PDB file of all heavy atoms in Angstrom:
ATOM      1  N   VAL A   1    -171.919  42.151 134.349  1.00  0.00           N
ATOM      2  CA  VAL A   1    -171.791  42.631 135.720  1.00  0.00           C
ATOM      3  C   VAL A   1    -172.973  42.120 136.540  1.00  0.00           C
ATOM      4  O   VAL A   1    -174.100  42.068 136.053  1.00  0.00           O
ATOM      5  CB  VAL A   1    -171.698  44.173 135.769  1.00  0.00           C
ATOM      6  CG1 VAL A   1    -172.962  44.830 135.219  1.00  0.00           C
ATOM      7  CG2 VAL A   1    -171.402  44.652 137.184  1.00  0.00           C
ATOM      8  N   SER A   2    -172.706  41.713 137.768  1.00  0.00           N
ATOM      9  CA  SER A   2    -173.751  41.236 138.660  1.00  0.00           C
ATOM     10  C   SER A   2    -173.376  41.586 140.094  1.00  0.00           C
ATOM     11  O   SER A   2    -172.244  41.989 140.364  1.00  0.00           O
ATOM     12  CB  SER A   2    -173.959  39.725 138.508  1.00  0.00           C
ATOM     13  OG  SER A   2    -172.780  39.018 138.850  1.00  0.00           O
ATOM     14  N   ARG A   3    -174.320  41.433 141.006  1.00  0.00           N
ATOM     15  CA  ARG A   3    -174.016  41.721 142.407  1.00  0.00           C
ATOM     16  C   ARG A   3    -174.808  40.817 143.326  1.00  0.00           C
ATOM     17  O   ARG A   3    -175.885  40.322 142.975  1.00  0.00           O
ATOM     18  CB  ARG A   3    -174.293  43.192 142.741  1.00  0.00           C
ATOM     19  CG  ARG A   3    -175.756  43.592 142.700  1.00  0.00           C
ATOM     20  CD  ARG A   3    -175.916  45.110 142.785  1.00  0.00           C
ATOM     21  NE  ARG A   3    -175.450  45.644 144.050  1.00  0.00           N
ATOM     22  CZ  ARG A   3    -175.181  46.928 144.271  1.00  0.00           C
ATOM     23  NH1 ARG A   3    -175.313  47.813 143.280  1.00  0.00           N
ATOM     24  NH2 ARG A   3    -174.769  47.320 145.471  1.00  0.00           N
ATOM     25  N   ASP A   4    -174.273  40.619 144.520  1.00  0.00           N
ATOM     26  CA  ASP A   4    -174.920  39.857 145.569  1.00  0.00           C
ATOM     27  C   ASP A   4    -174.905  40.740 146.804  1.00  0.00           C
ATOM     28  O   ASP A   4    -173.902  40.810 147.513  1.00  0.00           O
ATOM     29  CB  ASP A   4    -174.194  38.540 145.818  1.00  0.00           C
ATOM     30  CG  ASP A   4    -174.896  37.661 146.830  1.00  0.00           C
ATOM     31  OD1 ASP A   4    -175.746  38.159 147.591  1.00  0.00           O
ATOM     32  OD2 ASP A   4    -174.597  36.450 146.865  1.00  0.00           O
ATOM     33  N   ASN A   5    -176.014  41.420 147.053  1.00  0.00           N
ATOM     34  CA  ASN A   5    -176.054  42.365 148.171  1.00  0.00           C
ATOM     35  C   ASN A   5    -175.935  41.678 149.526  1.00  0.00           C
ATOM     36  O   ASN A   5    -175.427  42.272 150.478  1.00  0.00           O
ATOM     37  CB  ASN A   5    -177.337  43.194 148.105  1.00  0.00           C
ATOM     38  CG  ASN A   5    -177.307  44.222 146.992  1.00  0.00           C
ATOM     39  OD1 ASN A   5    -176.242  44.538 146.461  1.00  0.00           O
ATOM     40  ND2 ASN A   5    -178.462  44.740 146.632  1.00  0.00           N
ATOM     41  N   ALA A   6    -176.404  40.443 149.629  1.00  0.00           N
ATOM     42  CA  ALA A   6    -176.284  39.705 150.879  1.00  0.00           C
ATOM     43  C   ALA A   6    -174.824  39.442 151.225  1.00  0.00           C
ATOM     44  O   ALA A   6    -174.466  39.348 152.401  1.00  0.00           O
ATOM     45  CB  ALA A   6    -177.053  38.390 150.805  1.00  0.00           C
ATOM     46  N   GLN A   7    -173.977  39.310 150.202  1.00  0.00           N
ATOM     47  CA  GLN A   7    -172.552  39.073 150.400  1.00  0.00           C
ATOM     48  C   GLN A   7    -171.719  40.336 150.224  1.00  0.00           C
ATOM     49  O   GLN A   7    -170.489  40.280 150.317  1.00  0.00           O
ATOM     50  CB  GLN A   7    -172.063  37.989 149.439  1.00  0.00           C
ATOM     51  CG  GLN A   7    -172.692  36.630 149.664  1.00  0.00           C
ATOM     52  CD  GLN A   7    -172.318  36.043 151.000  1.00  0.00           C
ATOM     53  OE1 GLN A   7    -171.173  36.154 151.447  1.00  0.00           O
ATOM     54  NE2 GLN A   7    -173.285  35.417 151.653  1.00  0.00           N
ATOM     55  N   SER A   8    -172.380  41.451 149.947  1.00  0.00           N
ATOM     56  CA  SER A   8    -171.705  42.742 149.741  1.00  0.00           C
ATOM     57  C   SER A   8    -170.603  42.630 148.695  1.00  0.00           C
ATOM     58  O   SER A   8    -169.484  43.111 148.890  1.00  0.00           O
ATOM     59  CB  SER A   8    -171.135  43.267 151.061  1.00  0.00           C
ATOM     60  OG  SER A   8    -172.167  43.513 151.995  1.00  0.00           O
ATOM     61  N   THR A   9    -170.938  42.005 147.575  1.00  0.00           N
ATOM     62  CA  THR A   9    -169.952  41.746 146.538  1.00  0.00           C
ATOM     63  C   THR A   9    -170.527  42.026 145.151  1.00  0.00           C
ATOM     64  O   THR A   9    -171.677  41.691 144.880  1.00  0.00           O
ATOM     65  CB  THR A   9    -169.463  40.290 146.594  1.00  0.00           C
ATOM     66  OG1 THR A   9    -168.923  40.020 147.890  1.00  0.00           O
ATOM     67  CG2 THR A   9    -168.385  40.037 145.555  1.00  0.00           C
ATOM     68  N   VAL A  10    -169.711  42.633 144.301  1.00  0.00           N
ATOM     69  CA  VAL A  10    -170.068  42.838 142.904  1.00  0.00           C
ATOM     70  C   VAL A  10    -169.073  42.064 142.049  1.00  0.00           C
ATOM     71  O   VAL A  10    -167.898  41.926 142.421  1.00  0.00           O
ATOM     72  CB  VAL A  10    -170.089  44.342 142.539  1.00  0.00           C
ATOM     73  CG1 VAL A  10    -168.707  44.970 142.684  1.00  0.00           C
ATOM     74  CG2 VAL A  10    -170.631  44.547 141.131  1.00  0.00           C
ATOM     75  N   TYR A  11    -169.539  41.542 140.912  1.00  0.00           N
ATOM     76  CA  TYR A  11    -168.715  40.706 140.056  1.00  0.00           C
ATOM     77  C   TYR A  11    -168.652  41.264 138.638  1.00  0.00           C
ATOM     78  O   TYR A  11    -169.555  41.965 138.178  1.00  0.00           O
ATOM     79  CB  TYR A  11    -169.280  39.287 139.976  1.00  0.00           C
ATOM     80  CG  TYR A  11    -169.455  38.616 141.309  1.00  0.00           C
ATOM     81  CD1 TYR A  11    -170.675  38.662 141.973  1.00  0.00           C
ATOM     82  CD2 TYR A  11    -168.400  37.936 141.904  1.00  0.00           C
ATOM     83  CE1 TYR A  11    -170.837  38.050 143.202  1.00  0.00           C
ATOM     84  CE2 TYR A  11    -168.555  37.321 143.132  1.00  0.00           C
ATOM     85  CZ  TYR A  11    -169.771  37.373 143.778  1.00  0.00           C
ATOM     86  OH  TYR A  11    -169.930  36.767 144.994  1.00  0.00           O
ATOM     87  N   LEU A  12    -167.586  40.920 137.956  1.00  0.00           N
ATOM     88  CA  LEU A  12    -167.482  41.201 136.531  1.00  0.00           C
ATOM     89  C   LEU A  12    -166.999  39.931 135.844  1.00  0.00           C
ATOM     90  O   LEU A  12    -165.839  39.543 135.989  1.00  0.00           O
ATOM     91  CB  LEU A  12    -166.515  42.355 136.249  1.00  0.00           C
ATOM     92  CG  LEU A  12    -166.422  42.789 134.786  1.00  0.00           C
ATOM     93  CD1 LEU A  12    -167.743  43.422 134.331  1.00  0.00           C
ATOM     94  CD2 LEU A  12    -165.266  43.759 134.572  1.00  0.00           C
ATOM     95  N   GLN A  13    -167.908  39.279 135.132  1.00  0.00           N
ATOM     96  CA  GLN A  13    -167.565  38.091 134.367  1.00  0.00           C
ATOM     97  C   GLN A  13    -167.084  38.533 132.998  1.00  0.00           C
ATOM     98  O   GLN A  13    -167.820  39.201 132.272  1.00  0.00           O
ATOM     99  CB  GLN A  13    -168.772  37.165 134.231  1.00  0.00           C
ATOM    100  CG  GLN A  13    -168.516  35.918 133.395  1.00  0.00           C
ATOM    101  CD  GLN A  13    -167.534  34.977 134.035  1.00  0.00           C
ATOM    102  OE1 GLN A  13    -167.632  34.689 135.229  1.00  0.00           O
ATOM    103  NE2 GLN A  13    -166.567  34.497 133.267  1.00  0.00           N
ATOM    104  N   MET A  14    -165.875  38.160 132.633  1.00  0.00           N
ATOM    105  CA  MET A  14    -165.274  38.579 131.379  1.00  0.00           C
ATOM    106  C   MET A  14    -165.027  37.351 130.505  1.00  0.00           C
ATOM    107  O   MET A  14    -164.252  36.469 130.875  1.00  0.00           O
ATOM    108  CB  MET A  14    -163.966  39.332 131.626  1.00  0.00           C
ATOM    109  CG  MET A  14    -164.116  40.525 132.562  1.00  0.00           C
ATOM    110  SD  MET A  14    -162.583  41.478 132.749  1.00  0.00           S
ATOM    111  CE  MET A  14    -161.576  40.263 133.614  1.00  0.00           C
ATOM    112  N   ASN A  15    -165.680  37.309 129.362  1.00  0.00           N
ATOM    113  CA  ASN A  15    -165.530  36.215 128.422  1.00  0.00           C
ATOM    114  C   ASN A  15    -164.945  36.727 127.109  1.00  0.00           C
ATOM    115  O   ASN A  15    -164.966  37.923 126.829  1.00  0.00           O
ATOM    116  CB  ASN A  15    -166.883  35.545 128.152  1.00  0.00           C
ATOM    117  CG  ASN A  15    -167.499  34.926 129.380  1.00  0.00           C
ATOM    118  OD1 ASN A  15    -166.798  34.420 130.251  1.00  0.00           O
ATOM    119  ND2 ASN A  15    -168.823  34.953 129.454  1.00  0.00           N
ATOM    120  N   SER A  16    -164.454  35.806 126.299  1.00  0.00           N
ATOM    121  CA  SER A  16    -163.889  36.150 124.992  1.00  0.00           C
ATOM    122  C   SER A  16    -162.903  37.307 125.099  1.00  0.00           C
ATOM    123  O   SER A  16    -162.953  38.276 124.336  1.00  0.00           O
ATOM    124  CB  SER A  16    -165.010  36.495 124.003  1.00  0.00           C
ATOM    125  OG  SER A  16    -165.905  35.414 123.853  1.00  0.00           O
ATOM    126  N   LEU A  17    -161.996  37.201 126.038  1.00  0.00           N
ATOM    127  CA  LEU A  17    -161.064  38.288 126.306  1.00  0.00           C
ATOM    128  C   LEU A  17    -160.136  38.556 125.127  1.00  0.00           C
ATOM    129  O   LEU A  17    -159.706  37.632 124.434  1.00  0.00           O
ATOM    130  CB  LEU A  17    -160.246  37.981 127.552  1.00  0.00           C
ATOM    131  CG  LEU A  17    -161.009  38.206 128.864  1.00  0.00           C
ATOM    132  CD1 LEU A  17    -160.327  37.475 130.004  1.00  0.00           C
ATOM    133  CD2 LEU A  17    -161.106  39.699 129.165  1.00  0.00           C
ATOM    134  N   LYS A  18    -159.846  39.835 124.935  1.00  0.00           N
ATOM    135  CA  LYS A  18    -158.964  40.302 123.875  1.00  0.00           C
ATOM    136  C   LYS A  18    -157.740  40.965 124.493  1.00  0.00           C
ATOM    137  O   LYS A  18    -157.783  41.426 125.625  1.00  0.00           O
ATOM    138  CB  LYS A  18    -159.690  41.312 122.980  1.00  0.00           C
ATOM    139  CG  LYS A  18    -160.991  40.812 122.388  1.00  0.00           C
ATOM    140  CD  LYS A  18    -161.698  41.929 121.642  1.00  0.00           C
ATOM    141  CE  LYS A  18    -163.013  41.460 121.052  1.00  0.00           C
ATOM    142  NZ  LYS A  18    -163.711  42.555 120.334  1.00  0.00           N
ATOM    143  N   THR A  19    -156.668  41.057 123.734  1.00  0.00           N
ATOM    144  CA  THR A  19    -155.457  41.691 124.246  1.00  0.00           C
ATOM    145  C   THR A  19    -155.719  43.136 124.650  1.00  0.00           C
ATOM    146  O   THR A  19    -155.098  43.636 125.595  1.00  0.00           O
ATOM    147  CB  THR A  19    -154.316  41.643 123.228  1.00  0.00           C
ATOM    148  OG1 THR A  19    -154.742  42.229 121.992  1.00  0.00           O
ATOM    149  CG2 THR A  19    -153.887  40.206 122.973  1.00  0.00           C
ATOM    150  N   GLU A  20    -156.631  43.805 123.973  1.00  0.00           N
ATOM    151  CA  GLU A  20    -156.942  45.188 124.306  1.00  0.00           C
ATOM    152  C   GLU A  20    -157.717  45.342 125.616  1.00  0.00           C
ATOM    153  O   GLU A  20    -157.949  46.460 126.067  1.00  0.00           O
ATOM    154  CB  GLU A  20    -157.705  45.878 123.165  1.00  0.00           C
ATOM    155  CG  GLU A  20    -158.904  45.105 122.660  1.00  0.00           C
ATOM    156  CD  GLU A  20    -158.603  44.310 121.406  1.00  0.00           C
ATOM    157  OE1 GLU A  20    -157.574  43.608 121.374  1.00  0.00           O
ATOM    158  OE2 GLU A  20    -159.397  44.395 120.441  1.00  0.00           O
ATOM    159  N   ASP A  21    -158.117  44.227 126.227  1.00  0.00           N
ATOM    160  CA  ASP A  21    -158.745  44.271 127.542  1.00  0.00           C
ATOM    161  C   ASP A  21    -157.711  44.364 128.664  1.00  0.00           C
ATOM    162  O   ASP A  21    -158.081  44.523 129.827  1.00  0.00           O
ATOM    163  CB  ASP A  21    -159.616  43.034 127.770  1.00  0.00           C
ATOM    164  CG  ASP A  21    -160.814  42.979 126.840  1.00  0.00           C
ATOM    165  OD1 ASP A  21    -161.444  44.031 126.614  1.00  0.00           O
ATOM    166  OD2 ASP A  21    -161.128  41.875 126.357  1.00  0.00           O
ATOM    167  N   THR A  22    -156.444  44.244 128.330  1.00  0.00           N
ATOM    168  CA  THR A  22    -155.383  44.322 129.326  1.00  0.00           C
ATOM    169  C   THR A  22    -155.391  45.690 130.003  1.00  0.00           C
ATOM    170  O   THR A  22    -155.325  46.722 129.343  1.00  0.00           O
ATOM    171  CB  THR A  22    -154.015  44.069 128.682  1.00  0.00           C
ATOM    172  OG1 THR A  22    -153.963  42.731 128.195  1.00  0.00           O
ATOM    173  CG2 THR A  22    -152.892  44.275 129.690  1.00  0.00           C
ATOM    174  N   ALA A  23    -155.492  45.691 131.331  1.00  0.00           N
ATOM    175  CA  ALA A  23    -155.573  46.932 132.093  1.00  0.00           C
ATOM    176  C   ALA A  23    -155.642  46.607 133.574  1.00  0.00           C
ATOM    177  O   ALA A  23    -155.799  45.450 133.969  1.00  0.00           O
ATOM    178  CB  ALA A  23    -156.810  47.738 131.688  1.00  0.00           C
ATOM    179  N   VAL A  24    -155.535  47.639 134.399  1.00  0.00           N
ATOM    180  CA  VAL A  24    -155.869  47.520 135.804  1.00  0.00           C
ATOM    181  C   VAL A  24    -157.357  47.812 135.930  1.00  0.00           C
ATOM    182  O   VAL A  24    -157.829  48.847 135.470  1.00  0.00           O
ATOM    183  CB  VAL A  24    -155.057  48.491 136.681  1.00  0.00           C
ATOM    184  CG1 VAL A  24    -155.499  48.397 138.135  1.00  0.00           C
ATOM    185  CG2 VAL A  24    -153.570  48.190 136.564  1.00  0.00           C
ATOM    186  N   TYR A  25    -158.082  46.903 136.555  1.00  0.00           N
ATOM    187  CA  TYR A  25    -159.518  47.047 136.707  1.00  0.00           C
ATOM    188  C   TYR A  25    -159.865  47.498 138.119  1.00  0.00           C
ATOM    189  O   TYR A  25    -159.367  46.942 139.096  1.00  0.00           O
ATOM    190  CB  TYR A  25    -160.222  45.724 136.399  1.00  0.00           C
ATOM    191  CG  TYR A  25    -160.310  45.439 134.921  1.00  0.00           C
ATOM    192  CD1 TYR A  25    -159.177  45.113 134.196  1.00  0.00           C
ATOM    193  CD2 TYR A  25    -161.526  45.516 134.239  1.00  0.00           C
ATOM    194  CE1 TYR A  25    -159.245  44.875 132.832  1.00  0.00           C
ATOM    195  CE2 TYR A  25    -161.605  45.273 132.877  1.00  0.00           C
ATOM    196  CZ  TYR A  25    -160.461  44.955 132.180  1.00  0.00           C
ATOM    197  OH  TYR A  25    -160.527  44.709 130.824  1.00  0.00           O
ATOM    198  N   TYR A  26    -160.739  48.489 138.209  1.00  0.00           N
ATOM    199  CA  TYR A  26    -161.152  49.062 139.481  1.00  0.00           C
ATOM    200  C   TYR A  26    -162.660  48.944 139.649  1.00  0.00           C
ATOM    201  O   TYR A  26    -163.408  49.142 138.691  1.00  0.00           O
ATOM    202  CB  TYR A  26    -160.797  50.550 139.550  1.00  0.00           C
ATOM    203  CG  TYR A  26    -159.338  50.871 139.411  1.00  0.00           C
ATOM    204  CD1 TYR A  26    -158.772  51.084 138.163  1.00  0.00           C
ATOM    205  CD2 TYR A  26    -158.526  50.980 140.535  1.00  0.00           C
ATOM    206  CE1 TYR A  26    -157.432  51.392 138.037  1.00  0.00           C
ATOM    207  CE2 TYR A  26    -157.188  51.292 140.418  1.00  0.00           C
ATOM    208  CZ  TYR A  26    -156.640  51.496 139.158  1.00  0.00           C
ATOM    209  OH  TYR A  26    -155.303  51.810 139.037  1.00  0.00           O
ATOM    210  N   CYS A  27    -163.106  48.648 140.849  1.00  0.00           N
ATOM    211  CA  CYS A  27    -164.518  48.780 141.150  1.00  0.00           C
ATOM    212  C   CYS A  27    -164.732  50.071 141.919  1.00  0.00           C
ATOM    213  O   CYS A  27    -163.818  50.587 142.564  1.00  0.00           O
ATOM    214  CB  CYS A  27    -165.064  47.574 141.927  1.00  0.00           C
ATOM    215  SG  CYS A  27    -164.455  47.395 143.615  1.00  0.00           S
ATOM    216  N   ALA A  28    -165.934  50.607 141.826  1.00  0.00           N
ATOM    217  CA  ALA A  28    -166.243  51.870 142.477  1.00  0.00           C
ATOM    218  C   ALA A  28    -167.698  51.884 142.916  1.00  0.00           C
ATOM    219  O   ALA A  28    -168.554  51.259 142.287  1.00  0.00           O
ATOM    220  CB  ALA A  28    -165.969  53.039 141.532  1.00  0.00           C
ATOM    221  N   ALA A  29    -167.964  52.614 143.993  1.00  0.00           N
ATOM    222  CA  ALA A  29    -169.313  52.772 144.523  1.00  0.00           C
ATOM    223  C   ALA A  29    -169.793  54.189 144.282  1.00  0.00           C
ATOM    224  O   ALA A  29    -169.044  55.147 144.496  1.00  0.00           O
ATOM    225  CB  ALA A  29    -169.342  52.455 146.013  1.00  0.00           C
ATOM    226  N   GLY A  30    -171.043  54.322 143.852  1.00  0.00           N
ATOM    227  CA  GLY A  30    -171.594  55.627 143.564  1.00  0.00           C
ATOM    228  C   GLY A  30    -173.042  55.758 143.968  1.00  0.00           C
ATOM    229  O   GLY A  30    -173.641  54.830 144.508  1.00  0.00           O
ATOM    230  N   SER A  31    -173.605  56.913 143.680  1.00  0.00           N
ATOM    231  CA  SER A  31    -174.980  57.206 144.059  1.00  0.00           C
ATOM    232  C   SER A  31    -175.959  57.178 142.898  1.00  0.00           C
ATOM    233  O   SER A  31    -177.169  57.117 143.114  1.00  0.00           O
ATOM    234  CB  SER A  31    -175.058  58.573 144.751  1.00  0.00           C
ATOM    235  OG  SER A  31    -174.563  59.595 143.914  1.00  0.00           O
ATOM    236  N   ALA A  32    -175.454  57.226 141.673  1.00  0.00           N
ATOM    237  CA  ALA A  32    -176.311  57.222 140.493  1.00  0.00           C
ATOM    238  C   ALA A  32    -175.666  56.354 139.426  1.00  0.00           C
ATOM    239  O   ALA A  32    -174.588  56.682 138.925  1.00  0.00           O
ATOM    240  CB  ALA A  32    -176.537  58.637 139.973  1.00  0.00           C
ATOM    241  N   VAL A  33    -176.306  55.274 139.059  1.00  0.00           N
ATOM    242  CA  VAL A  33    -175.687  54.275 138.202  1.00  0.00           C
ATOM    243  C   VAL A  33    -175.243  54.822 136.851  1.00  0.00           C
ATOM    244  O   VAL A  33    -174.225  54.382 136.307  1.00  0.00           O
ATOM    245  CB  VAL A  33    -176.630  53.058 138.027  1.00  0.00           C
ATOM    246  CG1 VAL A  33    -177.872  53.437 137.229  1.00  0.00           C
ATOM    247  CG2 VAL A  33    -175.893  51.892 137.402  1.00  0.00           C
ATOM    248  N   ILE A  34    -175.969  55.785 136.294  1.00  0.00           N
ATOM    249  CA  ILE A  34    -175.643  56.294 134.969  1.00  0.00           C
ATOM    250  C   ILE A  34    -174.748  57.523 135.000  1.00  0.00           C
ATOM    251  O   ILE A  34    -174.359  58.027 133.937  1.00  0.00           O
ATOM    252  CB  ILE A  34    -176.911  56.619 134.155  1.00  0.00           C
ATOM    253  CG1 ILE A  34    -177.721  57.733 134.822  1.00  0.00           C
ATOM    254  CG2 ILE A  34    -177.750  55.355 133.969  1.00  0.00           C
ATOM    255  CD1 ILE A  34    -178.876  58.227 133.984  1.00  0.00           C
ATOM    256  N   LEU A  35    -174.416  58.014 136.185  1.00  0.00           N
ATOM    257  CA  LEU A  35    -173.614  59.224 136.306  1.00  0.00           C
ATOM    258  C   LEU A  35    -172.213  58.855 136.794  1.00  0.00           C
ATOM    259  O   LEU A  35    -172.003  58.585 137.974  1.00  0.00           O
ATOM    260  CB  LEU A  35    -174.278  60.205 137.268  1.00  0.00           C
ATOM    261  CG  LEU A  35    -173.643  61.583 137.396  1.00  0.00           C
ATOM    262  CD1 LEU A  35    -173.648  62.296 136.055  1.00  0.00           C
ATOM    263  CD2 LEU A  35    -174.388  62.404 138.437  1.00  0.00           C
ATOM    264  N   ILE A  36    -171.249  58.868 135.879  1.00  0.00           N
ATOM    265  CA  ILE A  36    -169.886  58.440 136.193  1.00  0.00           C
ATOM    266  C   ILE A  36    -169.275  59.263 137.314  1.00  0.00           C
ATOM    267  O   ILE A  36    -168.560  58.736 138.166  1.00  0.00           O
ATOM    268  CB  ILE A  36    -169.005  58.486 134.930  1.00  0.00           C
ATOM    269  CG1 ILE A  36    -169.487  57.445 133.923  1.00  0.00           C
ATOM    270  CG2 ILE A  36    -167.539  58.256 135.290  1.00  0.00           C
ATOM    271  CD1 ILE A  36    -168.749  57.477 132.605  1.00  0.00           C
ATOM    272  N   SER A  37    -169.555  60.556 137.346  1.00  0.00           N
ATOM    273  CA  SER A  37    -168.986  61.431 138.362  1.00  0.00           C
ATOM    274  C   SER A  37    -169.469  61.108 139.770  1.00  0.00           C
ATOM    275  O   SER A  37    -168.879  61.582 140.743  1.00  0.00           O
ATOM    276  CB  SER A  37    -169.279  62.891 138.036  1.00  0.00           C
ATOM    277  OG  SER A  37    -170.670  63.151 138.051  1.00  0.00           O
ATOM    278  N   SER A  38    -170.520  60.316 139.896  1.00  0.00           N
ATOM    279  CA  SER A  38    -171.038  59.969 141.219  1.00  0.00           C
ATOM    280  C   SER A  38    -170.259  58.832 141.879  1.00  0.00           C
ATOM    281  O   SER A  38    -170.467  58.554 143.064  1.00  0.00           O
ATOM    282  CB  SER A  38    -172.517  59.584 141.137  1.00  0.00           C
ATOM    283  OG  SER A  38    -172.696  58.264 140.657  1.00  0.00           O
ATOM    284  N   TYR A  39    -169.360  58.182 141.139  1.00  0.00           N
ATOM    285  CA  TYR A  39    -168.557  57.100 141.701  1.00  0.00           C
ATOM    286  C   TYR A  39    -167.366  57.693 142.433  1.00  0.00           C
ATOM    287  O   TYR A  39    -166.362  58.072 141.823  1.00  0.00           O
ATOM    288  CB  TYR A  39    -168.120  56.130 140.602  1.00  0.00           C
ATOM    289  CG  TYR A  39    -169.282  55.385 140.004  1.00  0.00           C
ATOM    290  CD1 TYR A  39    -169.908  55.841 138.857  1.00  0.00           C
ATOM    291  CD2 TYR A  39    -169.765  54.223 140.607  1.00  0.00           C
ATOM    292  CE1 TYR A  39    -170.996  55.163 138.325  1.00  0.00           C
ATOM    293  CE2 TYR A  39    -170.846  53.546 140.078  1.00  0.00           C
ATOM    294  CZ  TYR A  39    -171.465  54.017 138.940  1.00  0.00           C
ATOM    295  OH  TYR A  39    -172.541  53.340 138.413  1.00  0.00           O
ATOM    296  N   ARG A  40    -167.471  57.742 143.754  1.00  0.00           N
ATOM    297  CA  ARG A  40    -166.485  58.445 144.569  1.00  0.00           C
ATOM    298  C   ARG A  40    -165.622  57.531 145.432  1.00  0.00           C
ATOM    299  O   ARG A  40    -164.595  57.973 145.953  1.00  0.00           O
ATOM    300  CB  ARG A  40    -167.183  59.459 145.475  1.00  0.00           C
ATOM    301  CG  ARG A  40    -167.958  60.524 144.708  1.00  0.00           C
ATOM    302  CD  ARG A  40    -168.483  61.585 145.635  1.00  0.00           C
ATOM    303  NE  ARG A  40    -169.199  62.633 144.917  1.00  0.00           N
ATOM    304  CZ  ARG A  40    -169.595  63.765 145.445  1.00  0.00           C
ATOM    305  NH1 ARG A  40    -169.345  64.015 146.725  1.00  0.00           N
ATOM    306  NH2 ARG A  40    -170.238  64.657 144.713  1.00  0.00           N
ATOM    307  N   HIS A  41    -166.016  56.290 145.596  1.00  0.00           N
ATOM    308  CA  HIS A  41    -165.269  55.354 146.435  1.00  0.00           C
ATOM    309  C   HIS A  41    -164.678  54.265 145.554  1.00  0.00           C
ATOM    310  O   HIS A  41    -165.408  53.591 144.828  1.00  0.00           O
ATOM    311  CB  HIS A  41    -166.182  54.751 147.507  1.00  0.00           C
ATOM    312  CG  HIS A  41    -166.924  55.783 148.294  1.00  0.00           C
ATOM    313  ND1 HIS A  41    -166.306  56.563 149.249  1.00  0.00           N
ATOM    314  CD2 HIS A  41    -168.222  56.175 148.259  1.00  0.00           C
ATOM    315  CE1 HIS A  41    -167.195  57.388 149.775  1.00  0.00           C
ATOM    316  NE2 HIS A  41    -168.359  57.173 149.201  1.00  0.00           N
ATOM    317  N   TRP A  42    -163.365  54.101 145.653  1.00  0.00           N
ATOM    318  CA  TRP A  42    -162.637  53.231 144.733  1.00  0.00           C
ATOM    319  C   TRP A  42    -161.834  52.151 145.431  1.00  0.00           C
ATOM    320  O   TRP A  42    -161.304  52.364 146.520  1.00  0.00           O
ATOM    321  CB  TRP A  42    -161.681  54.060 143.872  1.00  0.00           C
ATOM    322  CG  TRP A  42    -162.391  55.047 143.002  1.00  0.00           C
ATOM    323  CD1 TRP A  42    -162.834  56.287 143.365  1.00  0.00           C
ATOM    324  CD2 TRP A  42    -162.745  54.872 141.634  1.00  0.00           C
ATOM    325  NE1 TRP A  42    -163.452  56.895 142.296  1.00  0.00           N
ATOM    326  CE2 TRP A  42    -163.411  56.054 141.223  1.00  0.00           C
ATOM    327  CE3 TRP A  42    -162.569  53.843 140.717  1.00  0.00           C
ATOM    328  CZ2 TRP A  42    -163.895  56.219 139.924  1.00  0.00           C
ATOM    329  CZ3 TRP A  42    -163.045  54.009 139.428  1.00  0.00           C
ATOM    330  CH2 TRP A  42    -163.701  55.184 139.046  1.00  0.00           C
ATOM    331  N   GLY A  43    -161.729  51.004 144.784  1.00  0.00           N
ATOM    332  CA  GLY A  43    -160.849  49.953 145.251  1.00  0.00           C
ATOM    333  C   GLY A  43    -159.429  50.204 144.789  1.00  0.00           C
ATOM    334  O   GLY A  43    -159.137  51.194 144.109  1.00  0.00           O
TER     335      GLY A  43
END
């Protein structure tokens, strides 16, 4: 995972993908990086 604040964009580079990685992927914005419940805004 990486981000470019100047471009207001976050990225997820996924390598060596497995079939079990199949899913709908969502990004979210929060107030505390380690607190999952703080992610309140979703794509």
